[in-house]
Amino acid sequence: MNDDHGKNSSSVGGGTRRDRKDWPAQWFAQDTSARVVVGRDLKVLAVNHRAQTAIDRNDGLALRDGALSARDRRTAGELLAAVAAANCDGRFSVIGAGSRTAMLVEAVALNEGADSPVGLSLRDLSTPVEIDCADLEPIFGVTPGEHQVILHLLRGQSSSEIAQRSGKSILTVRTHVKRAYGKIGVKTRGQLFARLLPYLSIR
């Protein structure tokens, strides 16, 4: 199909794509989250580089003969149960709980129906959590210094640790915390996390 400018375009998901590149596949491949698409039988339909790396580093999971598999029966059962229970809203499970190979798995059915492929997001629970946050300055009116302190708080650091790492005095850090809490409308770190959750990327 040609558009008004004579360029090739095609309809994708209700929108129009103006070139022949497979942007969804490229986006999936470059995603910073570990993602795998499997059939209900665990046959791998797609896997991105981050997921391949996570699976290679994890002693509990493996890619064998084109399928996602577990190295022990218990983990295999948990993986199958997570995929079988997947729905369009997504479900979180921990597979290999209690072991050093535990993984958090979000399973999302990609279509309605029992035979729908399932998208899996994987996170190795033995690796540190990466937390990033949207720019809070235009949203809540925090200053750049307050924003940086908030990021450190969300990553689990104490005011003393923030002061030490940033080279600021403990008094300056506490002032930033107090002012940021006031602007965001919270009084505790738990409230801060809950209030900012929609603005966070956690990997």
N, C-alpha and C. Protein backbone atom coordinates (compact mmCIF):
# COMPACT_ATOMS: atom_id res chain seq x y z
N MET A 1 0.85 -1.16 0.00
CA MET A 1 0.00 0.00 0.00
C MET A 1 0.90 1.22 0.00
N ASN A 2 0.54 2.25 -0.76
CA ASN A 2 1.30 3.50 -0.79
C ASN A 2 0.54 4.57 -0.04
N ASP A 3 1.26 5.40 0.72
CA ASP A 3 0.62 6.51 1.41
C ASP A 3 0.64 7.74 0.53
N ASP A 4 0.25 8.87 1.07
CA ASP A 4 0.16 10.11 0.29
C ASP A 4 1.51 10.57 -0.25
N HIS A 5 2.60 10.10 0.34
CA HIS A 5 3.92 10.53 -0.07
C HIS A 5 4.61 9.50 -0.95
N GLY A 6 3.89 8.47 -1.35
CA GLY A 6 4.44 7.45 -2.22
C GLY A 6 5.32 6.44 -1.51
N LYS A 7 5.38 6.49 -0.18
CA LYS A 7 6.19 5.53 0.58
C LYS A 7 5.39 4.28 0.85
N ASN A 8 6.09 3.17 0.99
CA ASN A 8 5.42 1.93 1.34
C ASN A 8 4.97 1.98 2.77
N SER A 9 3.76 1.52 3.03
CA SER A 9 3.26 1.44 4.40
C SER A 9 2.37 0.22 4.50
N SER A 10 2.18 -0.25 5.69
CA SER A 10 1.29 -1.38 5.92
C SER A 10 0.58 -1.17 7.23
N SER A 11 -0.57 -1.80 7.37
CA SER A 11 -1.34 -1.66 8.58
C SER A 11 -0.86 -2.67 9.61
N VAL A 12 -0.56 -2.18 10.81
CA VAL A 12 -0.07 -3.03 11.89
C VAL A 12 -0.82 -2.67 13.16
N GLY A 13 -1.58 -3.61 13.71
CA GLY A 13 -2.24 -3.37 14.99
C GLY A 13 -3.12 -2.16 15.00
N GLY A 14 -3.76 -1.85 13.88
CA GLY A 14 -4.65 -0.70 13.83
C GLY A 14 -3.93 0.58 13.46
N GLY A 15 -2.60 0.55 13.39
CA GLY A 15 -1.83 1.74 13.02
C GLY A 15 -1.20 1.52 11.67
N THR A 16 -0.43 2.48 11.21
CA THR A 16 0.21 2.36 9.91
C THR A 16 1.72 2.38 10.11
N ARG A 17 2.38 1.42 9.52
CA ARG A 17 3.84 1.36 9.55
C ARG A 17 4.33 1.87 8.21
N ARG A 18 5.30 2.76 8.21
CA ARG A 18 5.72 3.44 6.99
C ARG A 18 6.96 2.83 6.33
N ASP A 19 7.44 1.73 6.83
CA ASP A 19 8.57 1.08 6.19
C ASP A 19 8.42 -0.43 6.33
N ARG A 20 9.37 -1.14 5.82
CA ARG A 20 9.26 -2.60 5.84
C ARG A 20 10.04 -3.24 6.98
N LYS A 21 10.61 -2.45 7.87
CA LYS A 21 11.35 -3.02 8.99
C LYS A 21 10.39 -3.63 9.99
N ASP A 22 10.83 -4.68 10.62
CA ASP A 22 10.02 -5.34 11.64
C ASP A 22 10.36 -4.72 13.00
N TRP A 23 9.79 -3.55 13.26
CA TRP A 23 10.08 -2.81 14.48
C TRP A 23 9.70 -3.57 15.75
N PRO A 24 8.56 -4.26 15.81
CA PRO A 24 8.25 -5.02 17.03
C PRO A 24 9.32 -6.06 17.35
N ALA A 25 9.81 -6.75 16.34
CA ALA A 25 10.86 -7.75 16.56
C ALA A 25 12.16 -7.09 17.01
N GLN A 26 12.48 -5.95 16.41
CA GLN A 26 13.70 -5.24 16.81
C GLN A 26 13.58 -4.73 18.25
N TRP A 27 12.41 -4.21 18.60
CA TRP A 27 12.18 -3.73 19.96
C TRP A 27 12.32 -4.88 20.97
N PHE A 28 11.69 -6.01 20.65
CA PHE A 28 11.76 -7.20 21.51
C PHE A 28 13.22 -7.62 21.70
N ALA A 29 13.98 -7.65 20.61
CA ALA A 29 15.37 -8.10 20.67
C ALA A 29 16.23 -7.18 21.54
N GLN A 30 15.94 -5.88 21.52
CA GLN A 30 16.77 -4.92 22.25
C GLN A 30 16.22 -4.58 23.63
N ASP A 31 15.10 -5.17 24.02
CA ASP A 31 14.49 -4.87 25.32
C ASP A 31 15.48 -5.18 26.43
N THR A 32 15.51 -4.33 27.44
CA THR A 32 16.43 -4.55 28.55
C THR A 32 15.89 -5.55 29.56
N SER A 33 14.65 -5.98 29.41
CA SER A 33 14.09 -7.03 30.26
C SER A 33 14.27 -8.38 29.56
N ALA A 34 14.46 -9.42 30.37
CA ALA A 34 14.61 -10.77 29.82
C ALA A 34 13.23 -11.29 29.43
N ARG A 35 13.01 -11.52 28.14
CA ARG A 35 11.69 -11.93 27.66
C ARG A 35 11.80 -13.15 26.74
N VAL A 36 10.85 -14.08 26.95
CA VAL A 36 10.76 -15.30 26.15
C VAL A 36 9.29 -15.48 25.79
N VAL A 37 9.02 -15.89 24.56
CA VAL A 37 7.66 -16.25 24.16
C VAL A 37 7.67 -17.76 23.94
N VAL A 38 6.76 -18.45 24.64
CA VAL A 38 6.69 -19.91 24.54
C VAL A 38 5.27 -20.35 24.24
N GLY A 39 5.16 -21.55 23.67
CA GLY A 39 3.86 -22.20 23.57
C GLY A 39 3.52 -22.80 24.92
N ARG A 40 2.30 -23.27 25.08
CA ARG A 40 1.91 -23.88 26.36
C ARG A 40 2.70 -25.15 26.64
N ASP A 41 3.33 -25.71 25.60
CA ASP A 41 4.18 -26.89 25.77
C ASP A 41 5.65 -26.52 26.05
N LEU A 42 5.91 -25.22 26.27
CA LEU A 42 7.23 -24.65 26.56
C LEU A 42 8.17 -24.60 25.35
N LYS A 43 7.65 -24.87 24.14
CA LYS A 43 8.46 -24.68 22.95
C LYS A 43 8.72 -23.19 22.80
N VAL A 44 9.98 -22.81 22.57
CA VAL A 44 10.35 -21.41 22.47
C VAL A 44 10.00 -20.87 21.09
N LEU A 45 9.21 -19.79 21.06
CA LEU A 45 8.84 -19.14 19.82
C LEU A 45 9.73 -17.93 19.56
N ALA A 46 10.20 -17.30 20.62
CA ALA A 46 11.11 -16.15 20.51
C ALA A 46 11.81 -15.97 21.85
N VAL A 47 13.05 -15.53 21.79
CA VAL A 47 13.81 -15.24 23.01
C VAL A 47 14.72 -14.06 22.71
N ASN A 48 14.77 -13.08 23.62
CA ASN A 48 15.67 -11.96 23.37
C ASN A 48 17.03 -12.24 24.02
N HIS A 49 17.99 -11.39 23.69
CA HIS A 49 19.37 -11.60 24.16
C HIS A 49 19.45 -11.59 25.68
N ARG A 50 18.72 -10.67 26.32
CA ARG A 50 18.78 -10.58 27.79
C ARG A 50 18.28 -11.88 28.42
N ALA A 51 17.21 -12.47 27.85
CA ALA A 51 16.69 -13.73 28.39
C ALA A 51 17.67 -14.87 28.14
N GLN A 52 18.27 -14.89 26.97
CA GLN A 52 19.26 -15.93 26.66
C GLN A 52 20.40 -15.89 27.67
N THR A 53 20.86 -14.68 27.97
CA THR A 53 21.94 -14.51 28.95
C THR A 53 21.50 -14.95 30.35
N ALA A 54 20.29 -14.54 30.75
CA ALA A 54 19.78 -14.90 32.08
C ALA A 54 19.64 -16.42 32.22
N ILE A 55 19.15 -17.07 31.18
CA ILE A 55 18.98 -18.52 31.22
C ILE A 55 20.34 -19.21 31.25
N ASP A 56 21.29 -18.73 30.45
CA ASP A 56 22.63 -19.32 30.43
C ASP A 56 23.31 -19.21 31.79
N ARG A 57 23.07 -18.11 32.51
CA ARG A 57 23.71 -17.89 33.82
C ARG A 57 22.98 -18.61 34.96
N ASN A 58 21.76 -19.04 34.72
CA ASN A 58 20.94 -19.65 35.77
C ASN A 58 21.08 -21.17 35.69
N ASP A 59 21.39 -21.79 36.81
CA ASP A 59 21.55 -23.25 36.83
C ASP A 59 20.21 -23.99 36.86
N GLY A 60 19.09 -23.28 37.04
CA GLY A 60 17.79 -23.92 37.16
C GLY A 60 17.05 -24.07 35.85
N LEU A 61 17.35 -23.21 34.85
CA LEU A 61 16.66 -23.24 33.56
C LEU A 61 17.65 -23.49 32.44
N ALA A 62 17.12 -23.98 31.33
CA ALA A 62 17.95 -24.20 30.15
C ALA A 62 17.08 -24.14 28.91
N LEU A 63 17.71 -23.88 27.77
CA LEU A 63 17.04 -24.00 26.48
C LEU A 63 17.59 -25.27 25.84
N ARG A 64 16.70 -26.27 25.68
CA ARG A 64 17.10 -27.56 25.12
C ARG A 64 16.15 -27.95 24.01
N ASP A 65 16.70 -28.30 22.88
CA ASP A 65 15.90 -28.78 21.75
C ASP A 65 14.74 -27.84 21.43
N GLY A 66 15.01 -26.54 21.48
CA GLY A 66 13.99 -25.56 21.12
C GLY A 66 12.92 -25.33 22.18
N ALA A 67 13.15 -25.81 23.39
CA ALA A 67 12.15 -25.64 24.45
C ALA A 67 12.82 -25.10 25.71
N LEU A 68 12.04 -24.40 26.51
CA LEU A 68 12.49 -23.93 27.81
C LEU A 68 12.29 -25.07 28.80
N SER A 69 13.34 -25.44 29.49
CA SER A 69 13.23 -26.56 30.42
C SER A 69 13.90 -26.22 31.74
N ALA A 70 13.55 -27.00 32.74
CA ALA A 70 14.13 -26.84 34.07
C ALA A 70 15.04 -28.02 34.34
N ARG A 71 16.00 -27.80 35.22
CA ARG A 71 16.99 -28.83 35.49
C ARG A 71 16.58 -29.80 36.59
N ASP A 72 15.48 -29.49 37.32
CA ASP A 72 14.99 -30.44 38.32
C ASP A 72 13.46 -30.51 38.23
N ARG A 73 12.90 -31.58 38.79
CA ARG A 73 11.45 -31.82 38.65
C ARG A 73 10.60 -30.74 39.30
N ARG A 74 10.99 -30.30 40.48
CA ARG A 74 10.20 -29.30 41.19
C ARG A 74 10.11 -28.00 40.38
N THR A 75 11.25 -27.53 39.90
CA THR A 75 11.27 -26.30 39.11
C THR A 75 10.51 -26.50 37.80
N ALA A 76 10.63 -27.67 37.20
CA ALA A 76 9.88 -27.97 35.96
C ALA A 76 8.38 -27.87 36.21
N GLY A 77 7.93 -28.43 37.33
CA GLY A 77 6.51 -28.36 37.67
C GLY A 77 6.06 -26.93 37.90
N GLU A 78 6.89 -26.13 38.56
CA GLU A 78 6.55 -24.72 38.81
C GLU A 78 6.49 -23.94 37.50
N LEU A 79 7.42 -24.21 36.60
CA LEU A 79 7.44 -23.54 35.30
C LEU A 79 6.21 -23.90 34.48
N LEU A 80 5.88 -25.18 34.42
CA LEU A 80 4.68 -25.61 33.69
C LEU A 80 3.42 -25.00 34.30
N ALA A 81 3.34 -24.94 35.62
CA ALA A 81 2.17 -24.36 36.29
C ALA A 81 2.06 -22.88 35.99
N ALA A 82 3.18 -22.16 35.96
CA ALA A 82 3.16 -20.72 35.66
C ALA A 82 2.65 -20.47 34.25
N VAL A 83 3.10 -21.29 33.29
CA VAL A 83 2.68 -21.13 31.91
C VAL A 83 1.22 -21.53 31.74
N ALA A 84 0.81 -22.61 32.39
CA ALA A 84 -0.58 -23.08 32.29
C ALA A 84 -1.56 -22.06 32.88
N ALA A 85 -1.14 -21.35 33.94
CA ALA A 85 -2.04 -20.40 34.62
C ALA A 85 -2.02 -19.01 33.98
N ALA A 86 -1.19 -18.80 32.97
CA ALA A 86 -1.08 -17.48 32.36
C ALA A 86 -2.41 -17.02 31.77
N ASN A 87 -2.72 -15.75 32.00
CA ASN A 87 -3.89 -15.14 31.38
C ASN A 87 -3.49 -13.79 30.81
N CYS A 88 -4.43 -13.09 30.22
CA CYS A 88 -4.12 -11.83 29.55
C CYS A 88 -3.73 -10.72 30.53
N ASP A 89 -4.06 -10.87 31.81
CA ASP A 89 -3.70 -9.87 32.81
C ASP A 89 -2.31 -10.09 33.36
N GLY A 90 -1.75 -11.25 33.16
CA GLY A 90 -0.42 -11.57 33.67
C GLY A 90 -0.47 -12.12 35.08
N ARG A 91 0.42 -13.01 35.37
CA ARG A 91 0.52 -13.62 36.71
C ARG A 91 1.99 -13.73 37.07
N PHE A 92 2.30 -13.44 38.32
CA PHE A 92 3.66 -13.56 38.81
C PHE A 92 3.82 -14.87 39.57
N SER A 93 4.95 -15.51 39.37
CA SER A 93 5.30 -16.74 40.09
C SER A 93 6.78 -16.71 40.39
N VAL A 94 7.16 -17.45 41.39
CA VAL A 94 8.58 -17.67 41.66
C VAL A 94 8.84 -19.14 41.38
N ILE A 95 9.80 -19.40 40.52
CA ILE A 95 10.17 -20.78 40.26
C ILE A 95 11.54 -21.02 40.87
N GLY A 96 11.70 -22.19 41.48
CA GLY A 96 12.94 -22.51 42.15
C GLY A 96 13.10 -21.79 43.48
N ALA A 97 11.97 -21.46 44.13
CA ALA A 97 12.01 -20.71 45.39
C ALA A 97 12.87 -21.45 46.41
N GLY A 98 13.63 -20.68 47.16
CA GLY A 98 14.47 -21.26 48.20
C GLY A 98 15.82 -21.74 47.70
N SER A 99 16.05 -21.65 46.41
CA SER A 99 17.35 -22.07 45.87
C SER A 99 18.10 -20.85 45.34
N ARG A 100 19.36 -21.03 45.05
CA ARG A 100 20.13 -19.92 44.50
C ARG A 100 19.79 -19.64 43.04
N THR A 101 18.94 -20.48 42.44
CA THR A 101 18.54 -20.31 41.04
C THR A 101 17.11 -19.77 40.92
N ALA A 102 16.55 -19.25 42.00
CA ALA A 102 15.16 -18.76 41.98
C ALA A 102 14.99 -17.64 40.96
N MET A 103 13.85 -17.68 40.26
CA MET A 103 13.53 -16.66 39.27
C MET A 103 12.11 -16.17 39.48
N LEU A 104 11.93 -14.86 39.33
CA LEU A 104 10.60 -14.28 39.29
C LEU A 104 10.14 -14.33 37.85
N VAL A 105 8.96 -14.89 37.62
CA VAL A 105 8.44 -15.05 36.26
C VAL A 105 7.08 -14.37 36.18
N GLU A 106 6.95 -13.46 35.22
CA GLU A 106 5.63 -12.92 34.89
C GLU A 106 5.19 -13.61 33.61
N ALA A 107 4.05 -14.29 33.67
CA ALA A 107 3.52 -15.02 32.51
C ALA A 107 2.26 -14.33 32.03
N VAL A 108 2.24 -13.94 30.75
CA VAL A 108 1.12 -13.24 30.16
C VAL A 108 0.67 -13.98 28.90
N ALA A 109 -0.60 -14.39 28.86
CA ALA A 109 -1.15 -15.01 27.65
C ALA A 109 -1.25 -13.92 26.59
N LEU A 110 -0.75 -14.19 25.40
CA LEU A 110 -0.71 -13.17 24.35
C LEU A 110 -2.01 -13.08 23.55
N ASN A 111 -2.88 -14.06 23.72
CA ASN A 111 -4.21 -14.07 23.10
C ASN A 111 -5.17 -14.76 24.06
N GLU A 112 -6.44 -14.65 23.78
CA GLU A 112 -7.43 -15.42 24.54
C GLU A 112 -7.34 -16.88 24.12
N GLY A 113 -7.69 -17.76 24.99
CA GLY A 113 -7.73 -19.18 24.64
C GLY A 113 -6.65 -19.98 25.32
N ALA A 114 -6.95 -21.25 25.51
CA ALA A 114 -6.05 -22.14 26.25
C ALA A 114 -4.77 -22.46 25.50
N ASP A 115 -4.77 -22.31 24.16
CA ASP A 115 -3.56 -22.64 23.40
C ASP A 115 -2.75 -21.41 23.02
N SER A 116 -3.05 -20.26 23.63
CA SER A 116 -2.37 -19.01 23.33
C SER A 116 -0.89 -19.09 23.70
N PRO A 117 -0.03 -18.49 22.87
CA PRO A 117 1.37 -18.36 23.29
C PRO A 117 1.45 -17.52 24.57
N VAL A 118 2.53 -17.70 25.31
CA VAL A 118 2.69 -17.02 26.58
C VAL A 118 4.01 -16.24 26.57
N GLY A 119 3.91 -14.97 26.92
CA GLY A 119 5.10 -14.14 27.07
C GLY A 119 5.60 -14.25 28.50
N LEU A 120 6.87 -14.56 28.65
CA LEU A 120 7.48 -14.68 29.98
C LEU A 120 8.51 -13.58 30.17
N SER A 121 8.40 -12.85 31.27
CA SER A 121 9.45 -11.93 31.69
C SER A 121 10.16 -12.60 32.85
N LEU A 122 11.47 -12.69 32.77
CA LEU A 122 12.26 -13.41 33.76
C LEU A 122 13.16 -12.45 34.53
N ARG A 123 13.28 -12.68 35.83
CA ARG A 123 14.24 -11.92 36.63
C ARG A 123 14.90 -12.85 37.62
N ASP A 124 16.20 -12.96 37.52
CA ASP A 124 17.00 -13.79 38.42
C ASP A 124 17.00 -13.12 39.79
N LEU A 125 16.48 -13.81 40.79
CA LEU A 125 16.36 -13.23 42.12
C LEU A 125 17.69 -13.16 42.87
N SER A 126 18.74 -13.73 42.31
CA SER A 126 20.05 -13.64 42.96
C SER A 126 20.83 -12.41 42.51
N THR A 127 20.31 -11.68 41.52
CA THR A 127 21.00 -10.48 41.04
C THR A 127 20.33 -9.24 41.62
N PRO A 128 21.09 -8.16 41.77
CA PRO A 128 20.51 -6.93 42.32
C PRO A 128 19.39 -6.40 41.42
N VAL A 129 18.41 -5.79 42.06
CA VAL A 129 17.29 -5.18 41.34
C VAL A 129 17.74 -3.84 40.78
N GLU A 130 17.39 -3.57 39.54
CA GLU A 130 17.66 -2.29 38.92
C GLU A 130 16.38 -1.46 38.97
N ILE A 131 16.44 -0.30 39.62
CA ILE A 131 15.27 0.58 39.70
C ILE A 131 15.61 1.88 39.01
N ASP A 132 14.76 2.27 38.09
CA ASP A 132 14.90 3.56 37.44
C ASP A 132 13.57 4.29 37.57
N CYS A 133 13.60 5.59 37.45
CA CYS A 133 12.42 6.39 37.72
C CYS A 133 12.26 7.46 36.64
N ALA A 134 11.01 7.75 36.32
CA ALA A 134 10.72 8.84 35.40
C ALA A 134 11.21 10.16 36.01
N ASP A 135 11.35 11.17 35.20
CA ASP A 135 11.76 12.49 35.68
C ASP A 135 10.64 13.05 36.57
N LEU A 136 10.91 13.18 37.85
CA LEU A 136 9.89 13.63 38.81
C LEU A 136 9.80 15.14 38.92
N GLU A 137 10.75 15.84 38.33
CA GLU A 137 10.76 17.30 38.45
C GLU A 137 9.49 17.94 37.89
N PRO A 138 9.08 17.63 36.65
CA PRO A 138 7.85 18.27 36.15
C PRO A 138 6.56 17.72 36.77
N ILE A 139 6.63 16.51 37.31
CA ILE A 139 5.43 15.88 37.86
C ILE A 139 5.12 16.39 39.25
N PHE A 140 6.14 16.46 40.11
CA PHE A 140 5.93 16.83 41.51
C PHE A 140 6.62 18.13 41.91
N GLY A 141 7.43 18.69 41.02
CA GLY A 141 8.12 19.93 41.34
C GLY A 141 9.34 19.76 42.21
N VAL A 142 9.91 18.56 42.23
CA VAL A 142 11.11 18.34 43.02
C VAL A 142 12.31 18.93 42.28
N THR A 143 13.33 19.29 43.02
CA THR A 143 14.56 19.81 42.42
C THR A 143 15.42 18.65 41.94
N PRO A 144 16.42 18.91 41.10
CA PRO A 144 17.32 17.83 40.67
C PRO A 144 17.99 17.12 41.86
N GLY A 145 18.39 17.86 42.88
CA GLY A 145 19.01 17.24 44.06
C GLY A 145 18.03 16.34 44.80
N GLU A 146 16.79 16.80 44.95
CA GLU A 146 15.76 15.99 45.61
C GLU A 146 15.47 14.73 44.80
N HIS A 147 15.45 14.88 43.49
CA HIS A 147 15.20 13.73 42.62
C HIS A 147 16.28 12.66 42.81
N GLN A 148 17.54 13.08 42.85
CA GLN A 148 18.64 12.12 43.03
C GLN A 148 18.54 11.41 44.38
N VAL A 149 18.20 12.15 45.42
CA VAL A 149 18.06 11.55 46.75
C VAL A 149 16.92 10.53 46.74
N ILE A 150 15.81 10.85 46.08
CA ILE A 150 14.67 9.93 45.98
C ILE A 150 15.09 8.63 45.30
N LEU A 151 15.86 8.75 44.21
CA LEU A 151 16.34 7.54 43.51
C LEU A 151 17.15 6.66 44.44
N HIS A 152 18.02 7.27 45.22
CA HIS A 152 18.84 6.49 46.16
C HIS A 152 17.97 5.83 47.23
N LEU A 153 16.96 6.56 47.72
CA LEU A 153 16.04 5.97 48.71
C LEU A 153 15.30 4.77 48.13
N LEU A 154 14.83 4.91 46.89
CA LEU A 154 14.10 3.82 46.25
C LEU A 154 14.98 2.60 46.02
N ARG A 155 16.28 2.84 45.93
CA ARG A 155 17.23 1.73 45.74
C ARG A 155 17.68 1.14 47.07
N GLY A 156 17.06 1.60 48.16
CA GLY A 156 17.30 0.99 49.47
C GLY A 156 18.42 1.60 50.28
N GLN A 157 18.95 2.73 49.87
CA GLN A 157 20.05 3.34 50.61
C GLN A 157 19.52 4.21 51.74
N SER A 158 20.27 4.27 52.82
CA SER A 158 19.93 5.13 53.96
C SER A 158 20.41 6.55 53.69
N SER A 159 19.94 7.49 54.48
CA SER A 159 20.40 8.88 54.34
C SER A 159 21.91 8.98 54.52
N SER A 160 22.45 8.21 55.46
CA SER A 160 23.91 8.22 55.70
C SER A 160 24.66 7.71 54.47
N GLU A 161 24.16 6.63 53.88
CA GLU A 161 24.81 6.08 52.68
C GLU A 161 24.73 7.07 51.51
N ILE A 162 23.59 7.72 51.38
CA ILE A 162 23.42 8.71 50.30
C ILE A 162 24.41 9.85 50.49
N ALA A 163 24.54 10.34 51.72
CA ALA A 163 25.46 11.44 52.01
C ALA A 163 26.89 11.03 51.68
N GLN A 164 27.25 9.84 52.08
CA GLN A 164 28.62 9.36 51.84
C GLN A 164 28.90 9.21 50.36
N ARG A 165 27.97 8.63 49.61
CA ARG A 165 28.18 8.38 48.18
C ARG A 165 28.12 9.64 47.34
N SER A 166 27.29 10.60 47.76
CA SER A 166 27.11 11.81 46.95
C SER A 166 28.03 12.95 47.36
N GLY A 167 28.69 12.80 48.51
CA GLY A 167 29.57 13.86 48.98
C GLY A 167 28.83 15.02 49.60
N LYS A 168 27.54 14.83 49.91
CA LYS A 168 26.74 15.87 50.56
C LYS A 168 26.72 15.61 52.06
N SER A 169 26.40 16.64 52.81
CA SER A 169 26.28 16.44 54.25
C SER A 169 24.99 15.70 54.55
N ILE A 170 24.96 15.03 55.70
CA ILE A 170 23.76 14.32 56.11
C ILE A 170 22.59 15.29 56.28
N LEU A 171 22.88 16.50 56.73
CA LEU A 171 21.84 17.52 56.90
C LEU A 171 21.22 17.89 55.55
N THR A 172 22.05 18.05 54.52
CA THR A 172 21.54 18.37 53.18
C THR A 172 20.67 17.23 52.66
N VAL A 173 21.12 16.00 52.84
CA VAL A 173 20.34 14.85 52.38
C VAL A 173 19.00 14.80 53.10
N ARG A 174 19.00 14.98 54.42
CA ARG A 174 17.74 14.95 55.17
C ARG A 174 16.81 16.08 54.77
N THR A 175 17.37 17.23 54.45
CA THR A 175 16.55 18.36 53.97
C THR A 175 15.91 18.01 52.64
N HIS A 176 16.70 17.42 51.74
CA HIS A 176 16.15 16.98 50.44
C HIS A 176 15.03 15.98 50.65
N VAL A 177 15.22 15.02 51.54
CA VAL A 177 14.20 14.01 51.81
C VAL A 177 12.93 14.66 52.32
N LYS A 178 13.05 15.54 53.31
CA LYS A 178 11.89 16.20 53.91
C LYS A 178 11.12 17.01 52.88
N ARG A 179 11.83 17.79 52.09
CA ARG A 179 11.17 18.62 51.07
C ARG A 179 10.53 17.77 49.97
N ALA A 180 11.23 16.73 49.53
CA ALA A 180 10.68 15.85 48.49
C ALA A 180 9.43 15.13 48.99
N TYR A 181 9.47 14.62 50.22
CA TYR A 181 8.31 13.95 50.79
C TYR A 181 7.11 14.91 50.80
N GLY A 182 7.35 16.16 51.18
CA GLY A 182 6.27 17.14 51.22
C GLY A 182 5.69 17.41 49.84
N LYS A 183 6.54 17.54 48.84
CA LYS A 183 6.08 17.81 47.47
C LYS A 183 5.32 16.61 46.89
N ILE A 184 5.76 15.41 47.23
CA ILE A 184 5.12 14.20 46.71
C ILE A 184 3.89 13.82 47.53
N GLY A 185 3.82 14.31 48.77
CA GLY A 185 2.66 14.05 49.62
C GLY A 185 2.75 12.74 50.38
N VAL A 186 3.94 12.41 50.86
CA VAL A 186 4.13 11.18 51.63
C VAL A 186 4.88 11.50 52.92
N LYS A 187 4.86 10.51 53.85
CA LYS A 187 5.56 10.70 55.12
C LYS A 187 6.57 9.61 55.43
N THR A 188 6.48 8.49 54.73
CA THR A 188 7.40 7.37 54.99
C THR A 188 7.96 6.84 53.67
N ARG A 189 9.01 6.05 53.78
CA ARG A 189 9.62 5.46 52.58
C ARG A 189 8.64 4.49 51.91
N GLY A 190 7.88 3.75 52.72
CA GLY A 190 6.88 2.85 52.14
C GLY A 190 5.84 3.61 51.34
N GLN A 191 5.37 4.74 51.86
CA GLN A 191 4.41 5.57 51.13
C GLN A 191 5.05 6.14 49.86
N LEU A 192 6.34 6.52 49.96
CA LEU A 192 7.05 7.04 48.79
C LEU A 192 7.07 6.00 47.69
N PHE A 193 7.45 4.77 48.05
CA PHE A 193 7.52 3.71 47.05
C PHE A 193 6.15 3.47 46.42
N ALA A 194 5.11 3.38 47.26
CA ALA A 194 3.75 3.14 46.74
C ALA A 194 3.30 4.28 45.83
N ARG A 195 3.59 5.51 46.20
CA ARG A 195 3.17 6.68 45.41
C ARG A 195 3.90 6.74 44.08
N LEU A 196 5.16 6.35 44.07
CA LEU A 196 5.97 6.46 42.85
C LEU A 196 5.96 5.20 41.99
N LEU A 197 5.34 4.15 42.45
CA LEU A 197 5.35 2.89 41.70
C LEU A 197 4.94 3.04 40.23
N PRO A 198 3.92 3.84 39.91
CA PRO A 198 3.58 4.00 38.48
C PRO A 198 4.69 4.64 37.64
N TYR A 199 5.63 5.31 38.29
CA TYR A 199 6.69 6.01 37.59
C TYR A 199 8.01 5.24 37.57
N LEU A 200 7.99 4.00 38.07
CA LEU A 200 9.21 3.22 38.21
C LEU A 200 9.34 2.13 37.16
N SER A 201 10.58 1.85 36.79
CA SER A 201 10.91 0.69 35.99
C SER A 201 11.77 -0.19 36.89
N ILE A 202 11.31 -1.39 37.16
CA ILE A 202 12.02 -2.30 38.07
C ILE A 202 12.41 -3.54 37.28
N ARG A 203 13.71 -3.80 37.21
CA ARG A 203 14.21 -4.96 36.45
C ARG A 203 15.13 -5.78 37.32
